[in-house]
C-alpha atoms as a PDB file:
ATOM      1  CA  ILE A   1       5.246 -35.470 -45.803  1.00  0.00           C
ATOM      2  CA  SER A   2       6.619 -31.909 -47.943  1.00  0.00           C
ATOM      3  CA  SER A   3       3.542 -30.613 -47.116  1.00  0.00           C
ATOM      4  CA  LEU A   4       4.013 -31.138 -44.002  1.00  0.00           C
ATOM      5  CA  LYS A   5       6.894 -29.897 -43.736  1.00  0.00           C
ATOM      6  CA  ASP A   6       6.206 -26.600 -44.951  1.00  0.00           C
ATOM      7  CA  GLN A   7       3.082 -26.127 -42.477  1.00  0.00           C
ATOM      8  CA  PHE A   8       5.282 -27.554 -39.820  1.00  0.00           C
ATOM      9  CA  ALA A   9       7.787 -24.486 -41.136  1.00  0.00           C
ATOM     10  CA  VAL A  10       5.092 -21.678 -40.846  1.00  0.00           C
ATOM     11  CA  LEU A  11       3.288 -22.519 -37.715  1.00  0.00           C
ATOM     12  CA  ASN A  12       6.959 -22.514 -36.301  1.00  0.00           C
ATOM     13  CA  ILE A  13       7.493 -19.005 -37.987  1.00  0.00           C
ATOM     14  CA  ARG A  14       3.866 -18.106 -36.442  1.00  0.00           C
ATOM     15  CA  ALA A  15       4.991 -19.497 -33.170  1.00  0.00           C
ATOM     16  CA  ASN A  16       8.443 -17.552 -33.042  1.00  0.00           C
ATOM     17  CA  GLN A  17       6.318 -14.406 -33.989  1.00  0.00           C
ATOM     18  CA  LEU A  18       3.835 -15.184 -31.043  1.00  0.00           C
ATOM     19  CA  ALA A  19       6.967 -15.428 -28.907  1.00  0.00           C
ATOM     20  CA  ASN A  20       8.687 -12.358 -29.695  1.00  0.00           C
ATOM     21  CA  TYR A  21       4.464 -10.188 -29.152  1.00  0.00           C
ATOM     22  CA  ASN A  22       4.320 -11.704 -25.929  1.00  0.00           C
ATOM     23  CA  ASP A  23       8.083 -10.868 -24.532  1.00  0.00           C
ATOM     24  CA  SER A  24       7.300  -7.485 -26.406  1.00  0.00           C
ATOM     25  CA  LEU A  25       4.262  -7.438 -24.026  1.00  0.00           C
ATOM     26  CA  ASN A  26       5.407  -8.296 -20.834  1.00  0.00           C
ATOM     27  CA  ASN A  27       8.573  -5.581 -21.341  1.00  0.00           C
ATOM     28  CA  VAL A  28       5.773  -2.825 -21.570  1.00  0.00           C
ATOM     29  CA  ASN A  29       3.924  -4.568 -18.289  1.00  0.00           C
ATOM     30  CA  ASN A  30       7.200  -4.608 -16.312  1.00  0.00           C
ATOM     31  CA  GLN A  31       7.739  -0.423 -17.769  1.00  0.00           C
ATOM     32  CA  ASN A  32       3.881   0.446 -16.482  1.00  0.00           C
ATOM     33  CA  GLN A  33       4.570  -1.432 -13.272  1.00  0.00           C
ATOM     34  CA  ASN A  34       7.652   0.454 -12.575  1.00  0.00           C
ATOM     35  CA  THR A  35       6.368   3.450 -13.514  1.00  0.00           C
ATOM     36  CA  ILE A  36       3.260   2.613 -10.699  1.00  0.00           C
ATOM     37  CA  ASN A  37       5.546   1.909  -8.317  1.00  0.00           C
ATOM     38  CA  ASN A  38       7.640   4.951  -8.546  1.00  0.00           C
ATOM     39  CA  GLN A  39       4.264   7.388  -9.148  1.00  0.00           C
ATOM     40  CA  ASP A  40       2.818   5.401  -5.868  1.00  0.00           C
ATOM     41  CA  GLN A  41       6.024   6.040  -4.022  1.00  0.00           C
ATOM     42  CA  GLU A  42       6.114   9.423  -5.010  1.00  0.00           C
ATOM     43  CA  LEU A  43       2.287  10.248  -3.605  1.00  0.00           C
ATOM     44  CA  ASN A  44       3.143   8.508   0.182  1.00  0.00           C
ATOM     45  CA  THR A  45       6.647   9.778   0.189  1.00  0.00           C
ATOM     46  CA  VAL A  46       6.536  12.452   3.483  1.00  0.00           C
ATOM     47  CA  TYR A  47       8.587  14.315   5.124  1.00  0.00           C
ATOM     48  CA  TYR A  48       9.228  15.518   8.803  1.00  0.00           C
ATOM     49  CA  CYS A  49      11.632  17.049  10.733  1.00  0.00           C
ATOM     50  CA  MET A  50      11.852  18.717  14.993  1.00  0.00           C
ATOM     51  CA  GLY A  51      14.396  20.533  16.601  1.00  0.00           C
ATOM     52  CA  THR A  52      14.258  23.298  18.077  1.00  0.00           C
ATOM     53  CA  PHE A  53      13.806  26.839  16.501  1.00  0.00           C
ATOM     54  CA  LYS A  54      17.105  27.860  16.337  1.00  0.00           C
ATOM     55  CA  GLU A  55      18.142  24.660  14.808  1.00  0.00           C
ATOM     56  CA  LEU A  56      15.038  24.912  12.520  1.00  0.00           C
ATOM     57  CA  THR A  57      16.413  28.541  11.832  1.00  0.00           C
ATOM     58  CA  THR A  58      19.335  27.385  11.360  1.00  0.00           C
ATOM     59  CA  ASN A  59      18.585  24.650   8.693  1.00  0.00           C
ATOM     60  CA  LYS A  60      15.961  27.120   6.970  1.00  0.00           C
ATOM     61  CA  VAL A  61      13.020  24.936   7.706  1.00  0.00           C
ATOM     62  CA  LEU A  62      11.000  27.840   9.787  1.00  0.00           C
ATOM     63  CA  ASP A  63      12.171  31.631   9.098  1.00  0.00           C
ATOM     64  CA  LYS A  64      12.534  34.451  11.666  1.00  0.00           C
ATOM     65  CA  GLY A  65       9.400  34.932  12.481  1.00  0.00           C
ATOM     66  CA  GLY A  66       8.601  31.040  12.804  1.00  0.00           C
ATOM     67  CA  LEU A  67       6.820  30.406   9.821  1.00  0.00           C
ATOM     68  CA  PHE A  68       7.220  26.888   7.926  1.00  0.00           C
ATOM     69  CA  ALA A  69       9.198  27.848   4.829  1.00  0.00           C
ATOM     70  CA  ALA A  70       7.013  26.705   2.315  1.00  0.00           C
ATOM     71  CA  LYS A  71       6.529  29.403  -0.711  1.00  0.00           C
ATOM     72  CA  THR A  72       2.834  27.819  -1.408  1.00  0.00           C
ATOM     73  CA  GLY A  73       1.002  25.023  -0.759  1.00  0.00           C
ATOM     74  CA  SER A  74       3.894  21.967  -0.238  1.00  0.00           C
ATOM     75  CA  LYS A  75       6.747  23.429  -2.211  1.00  0.00           C
ATOM     76  CA  LEU A  76       9.972  24.680  -0.040  1.00  0.00           C
ATOM     77  CA  SER A  77      11.503  27.723  -0.480  1.00  0.00           C
ATOM     78  CA  ALA A  78      15.280  26.092  -2.116  1.00  0.00           C
ATOM     79  CA  ASP A  79      17.375  26.719   0.442  1.00  0.00           C
ATOM     80  CA  VAL A  80      15.589  24.716   2.774  1.00  0.00           C
ATOM     81  CA  ASN A  81      18.525  22.157   4.101  1.00  0.00           C
ATOM     82  CA  MET A  82      15.921  19.054   3.142  1.00  0.00           C
ATOM     83  CA  ASP A  83      18.692  16.851   4.581  1.00  0.00           C
ATOM     84  CA  TYR A  84      17.141  17.883   8.182  1.00  0.00           C
ATOM     85  CA  PHE A  85      13.893  16.012   7.382  1.00  0.00           C
ATOM     86  CA  THR A  86      13.435  12.176   7.788  1.00  0.00           C
ATOM     87  CA  LYS A  87      12.284  10.507   4.231  1.00  0.00           C
ATOM     88  CA  THR A  88       8.897   7.816   4.721  1.00  0.00           C
ATOM     89  CA  ASP A  89       5.844   6.516   3.775  1.00  0.00           C
ATOM     90  CA  LYS A  90       2.807   8.052   5.361  1.00  0.00           C
ATOM     91  CA  ARG A  91       1.285   4.426   5.186  1.00  0.00           C
ATOM     92  CA  LYS A  92       4.058   3.416   7.296  1.00  0.00           C
ATOM     93  CA  VAL A  93       4.369   6.281  10.046  1.00  0.00           C
ATOM     94  CA  ASN A  94       1.675   5.618  12.614  1.00  0.00           C
ATOM     95  CA  GLU A  95       3.833   7.734  15.122  1.00  0.00           C
ATOM     96  CA  ILE A  96       6.924   9.885  15.857  1.00  0.00           C
ATOM     97  CA  PRO A  97       9.084   9.804  18.755  1.00  0.00           C
ATOM     98  CA  VAL A  98       9.170  13.474  20.246  1.00  0.00           C
ATOM     99  CA  GLY A  99      10.806  12.932  24.331  1.00  0.00           C
ATOM    100  CA  SER A 100      10.426  16.236  24.926  1.00  0.00           C
ATOM    101  CA  LYS A 101       9.186  19.234  27.802  1.00  0.00           C
ATOM    102  CA  LYS A 102       6.781  20.559  24.986  1.00  0.00           C
ATOM    103  CA  ALA A 103       6.576  20.405  21.679  1.00  0.00           C
ATOM    104  CA  THR A 104       4.783  22.341  19.239  1.00  0.00           C
ATOM    105  CA  LEU A 105       3.215  21.589  15.108  1.00  0.00           C
ATOM    106  CA  LYS A 106       4.806  24.333  13.098  1.00  0.00           C
ATOM    107  CA  THR A 107       3.163  22.745   9.781  1.00  0.00           C
ATOM    108  CA  SER A 108      -0.612  22.909   9.266  1.00  0.00           C
ATOM    109  CA  HIS A 109      -2.144  19.212  10.323  1.00  0.00           C
ATOM    110  CA  PRO A 110      -6.233  19.030  10.841  1.00  0.00           C
ATOM    111  CA  SER A 111      -7.068  18.766  14.242  1.00  0.00           C
ATOM    112  CA  GLY A 112      -8.669  15.006  15.293  1.00  0.00           C
ATOM    113  CA  SER A 113      -6.123  14.082  12.798  1.00  0.00           C
ATOM    114  CA  TYR A 114      -2.981  13.534  15.293  1.00  0.00           C
ATOM    115  CA  THR A 115      -2.441  13.575  18.877  1.00  0.00           C
ATOM    116  CA  LEU A 116       0.357  14.792  21.180  1.00  0.00           C
ATOM    117  CA  VAL A 117       0.744  12.400  23.511  1.00  0.00           C
ATOM    118  CA  THR A 118       2.544  13.921  26.898  1.00  0.00           C
ATOM    119  CA  GLU A 119       3.506  11.472  30.025  1.00  0.00           C
ATOM    120  CA  ASN A 120       5.380  12.711  33.126  1.00  0.00           C
ATOM    121  CA  LYS A 121       4.777  16.188  31.699  1.00  0.00           C
ATOM    122  CA  ARG A 122       6.877  15.618  28.841  1.00  0.00           C
ATOM    123  CA  VAL A 123       5.735  15.084  25.467  1.00  0.00           C
ATOM    124  CA  THR A 124       6.698  11.470  24.556  1.00  0.00           C
ATOM    125  CA  LYS A 125       5.285  11.230  20.659  1.00  0.00           C
ATOM    126  CA  LEU A 126       3.228  12.378  17.765  1.00  0.00           C
ATOM    127  CA  VAL A 127       0.786   9.826  17.216  1.00  0.00           C
ATOM    128  CA  ILE A 128      -0.795   9.938  13.863  1.00  0.00           C
ATOM    129  CA  ASN A 129      -4.562   9.179  14.361  1.00  0.00           C
ATOM    130  CA  ASP A 130      -5.554   9.221  10.056  1.00  0.00           C
ATOM    131  CA  ALA A 131      -2.403   9.387   7.883  1.00  0.00           C
ATOM    132  CA  THR A 132      -5.003  10.266   4.768  1.00  0.00           C
ATOM    133  CA  LYS A 133      -6.295  13.738   6.754  1.00  0.00           C
ATOM    134  CA  PHE A 134      -3.306  14.409   8.550  1.00  0.00           C
ATOM    135  CA  TRP A 135      -0.912  14.909   5.730  1.00  0.00           C
ATOM    136  CA  SER A 136      -3.659  16.114   3.411  1.00  0.00           C
ATOM    137  CA  ASN A 137      -2.752  19.743   3.542  1.00  0.00           C
ATOM    138  CA  SER A 138       1.190  18.841   3.406  1.00  0.00           C
ATOM    139  CA  LYS A 139       3.603  16.528   3.102  1.00  0.00           C
ATOM    140  CA  TYR A 140       5.668  17.834   5.655  1.00  0.00           C
ATOM    141  CA  CYS A 141       5.601  18.056   9.315  1.00  0.00           C
ATOM    142  CA  VAL A 142       7.496  19.871  11.316  1.00  0.00           C
ATOM    143  CA  LEU A 143       7.632  19.964  15.142  1.00  0.00           C
ATOM    144  CA  MET A 144       9.737  22.594  17.371  1.00  0.00           C
ATOM    145  CA  VAL A 145      10.239  21.646  20.742  1.00  0.00           C
ATOM    146  CA  GLU A 146      11.541  22.650  23.717  1.00  0.00           C
END
Protein backbone atom coordinates (compact mmCIF):
# COMPACT_ATOMS: atom_id res chain seq x y z
CA ILE A 1 0.00 0.00 0.00
CA SER A 2 2.87 2.33 0.87
CA SER A 3 4.49 1.69 -2.51
CA LEU A 4 1.20 2.38 -4.30
CA LYS A 5 0.78 5.62 -2.31
CA ASP A 6 4.26 6.71 -3.42
CA GLN A 7 3.49 5.88 -7.03
CA PHE A 8 0.19 7.74 -6.76
CA ALA A 9 1.99 10.81 -5.34
CA VAL A 10 4.47 10.75 -8.23
CA LEU A 11 1.62 10.45 -10.74
CA ASN A 12 -0.20 13.38 -9.09
CA ILE A 13 2.93 15.52 -9.34
CA ARG A 14 3.33 14.56 -12.99
CA ALA A 15 -0.36 15.27 -13.69
CA ASN A 16 0.02 18.72 -12.08
CA GLN A 17 3.13 19.41 -14.17
CA LEU A 18 1.25 18.41 -17.34
CA ALA A 19 -1.73 20.60 -16.38
CA ASN A 20 0.60 23.58 -15.83
CA TYR A 21 2.32 22.87 -19.14
CA ASN A 22 -1.07 22.66 -20.86
CA ASP A 23 -2.13 26.01 -19.31
CA SER A 24 1.11 27.57 -20.48
CA LEU A 25 0.57 26.29 -24.03
CA ASN A 26 -3.01 27.61 -23.99
CA ASN A 27 -1.74 31.06 -22.94
CA VAL A 28 0.82 31.09 -25.74
CA ASN A 29 -1.82 29.93 -28.20
CA ASN A 30 -4.21 32.71 -27.09
CA GLN A 31 -1.46 35.32 -27.43
CA ASN A 32 -0.60 34.05 -30.91
CA GLN A 33 -4.27 34.08 -31.91
CA ASN A 34 -4.63 37.67 -30.69
CA THR A 35 -1.55 38.67 -32.67
CA ILE A 36 -2.92 36.98 -35.80
CA ASN A 37 -6.32 38.65 -35.35
CA ASN A 38 -4.72 42.08 -34.90
CA GLN A 39 -2.48 41.61 -37.94
CA ASP A 40 -5.43 40.36 -40.01
CA GLN A 41 -7.46 43.39 -39.00
CA GLU A 42 -4.57 45.76 -39.81
CA LEU A 43 -3.91 44.14 -43.19
CA ASN A 44 -7.56 44.46 -44.20
CA THR A 45 -8.25 47.95 -42.82
CA VAL A 46 -8.94 50.56 -45.49
CA TYR A 47 -10.15 54.14 -45.42
CA TYR A 48 -12.42 56.15 -47.67
CA CYS A 49 -13.77 59.66 -47.73
CA MET A 50 -15.88 61.81 -49.98
CA GLY A 51 -16.28 65.55 -50.25
CA THR A 52 -16.11 68.65 -52.40
CA PHE A 53 -12.76 70.09 -53.40
CA LYS A 54 -13.08 72.66 -50.62
CA GLU A 55 -13.91 70.02 -47.98
CA LEU A 56 -11.07 67.78 -49.09
CA THR A 57 -8.51 70.60 -49.08
CA THR A 58 -9.77 71.96 -45.74
CA ASN A 59 -9.22 68.51 -44.23
CA LYS A 60 -5.82 68.34 -45.99
CA VAL A 61 -6.81 65.18 -47.87
CA LEU A 62 -6.02 66.98 -51.14
CA ASP A 63 -3.46 69.69 -51.67
CA LYS A 64 -4.36 72.98 -53.38
CA GLY A 65 -3.50 71.39 -56.74
CA GLY A 66 -6.07 68.65 -56.15
CA LEU A 67 -3.53 65.88 -55.54
CA PHE A 68 -3.99 63.24 -52.86
CA ALA A 69 -1.91 64.07 -49.79
CA ALA A 70 0.14 60.87 -49.75
CA LYS A 71 3.86 61.38 -49.39
CA THR A 72 4.85 57.97 -50.73
CA GLY A 73 2.88 54.81 -51.26
CA SER A 74 0.11 54.66 -48.69
CA LYS A 75 1.72 56.97 -46.11
CA LEU A 76 -0.26 60.15 -45.58
CA SER A 77 1.28 63.46 -44.62
CA ALA A 78 0.99 64.09 -40.89
CA ASP A 79 -1.48 66.98 -41.13
CA VAL A 80 -4.25 64.99 -42.89
CA ASN A 81 -7.45 64.93 -40.82
CA MET A 82 -7.87 61.16 -40.34
CA ASP A 83 -11.22 61.74 -38.60
CA TYR A 84 -12.56 62.76 -42.01
CA PHE A 85 -12.06 59.19 -43.29
CA THR A 86 -14.37 56.24 -42.73
CA LYS A 87 -12.42 53.22 -41.51
CA THR A 88 -13.64 49.83 -42.71
CA ASP A 89 -12.62 46.28 -43.61
CA LYS A 90 -11.94 45.84 -47.33
CA ARG A 91 -13.58 42.40 -47.22
CA LYS A 92 -16.84 43.93 -46.00
CA VAL A 93 -17.23 47.04 -48.16
CA ASN A 94 -18.65 46.29 -51.62
CA GLU A 95 -19.97 49.72 -52.43
CA ILE A 96 -19.78 53.30 -51.25
CA PRO A 97 -22.92 55.43 -51.57
CA VAL A 98 -22.24 58.70 -53.41
CA GLY A 99 -25.44 60.53 -54.38
CA SER A 100 -23.87 63.40 -56.30
CA LYS A 101 -24.10 65.05 -59.70
CA LYS A 102 -20.47 64.21 -60.42
CA ALA A 103 -17.82 62.08 -58.68
CA THR A 104 -14.12 61.70 -59.40
CA LEU A 105 -11.71 59.27 -57.80
CA LYS A 106 -8.67 61.19 -56.57
CA THR A 107 -6.76 58.08 -55.52
CA SER A 108 -5.29 55.55 -57.91
CA HIS A 109 -7.27 52.33 -58.33
CA PRO A 110 -6.93 49.86 -61.22
CA SER A 111 -9.49 50.20 -63.97
CA GLY A 112 -12.04 47.41 -64.01
CA SER A 113 -11.83 46.99 -60.23
CA TYR A 114 -14.66 49.48 -59.68
CA THR A 115 -17.70 51.05 -61.33
CA LEU A 116 -19.24 54.46 -60.73
CA VAL A 117 -22.98 53.78 -61.07
CA THR A 118 -25.01 56.60 -62.62
CA GLU A 119 -28.80 56.86 -62.45
CA ASN A 120 -30.84 59.86 -63.58
CA LYS A 121 -27.68 61.87 -64.35
CA ARG A 122 -26.39 61.39 -60.78
CA VAL A 123 -23.60 59.16 -59.51
CA THR A 124 -25.41 57.02 -56.95
CA LYS A 125 -22.58 54.76 -55.76
CA LEU A 126 -19.11 53.41 -56.28
CA VAL A 127 -19.26 49.63 -56.67
CA ILE A 128 -16.09 47.71 -55.90
CA ASN A 129 -15.97 44.84 -58.41
CA ASP A 130 -12.69 43.31 -57.22
CA ALA A 131 -11.69 44.34 -53.68
CA THR A 132 -8.21 42.82 -53.83
CA LYS A 133 -7.41 44.64 -57.05
CA PHE A 134 -9.18 47.88 -56.01
CA TRP A 135 -7.20 48.26 -52.78
CA SER A 136 -3.89 47.00 -54.24
CA ASN A 137 -2.42 50.48 -54.87
CA SER A 138 -3.53 52.18 -51.69
CA LYS A 139 -5.44 51.67 -48.44
CA TYR A 140 -7.22 54.97 -49.14
CA CYS A 141 -10.07 55.89 -51.45
CA VAL A 142 -10.85 59.57 -51.99
CA LEU A 143 -13.92 60.65 -53.94
CA MET A 144 -14.32 64.27 -54.94
CA VAL A 145 -17.97 65.15 -55.52
CA GLU A 146 -19.86 68.13 -56.90
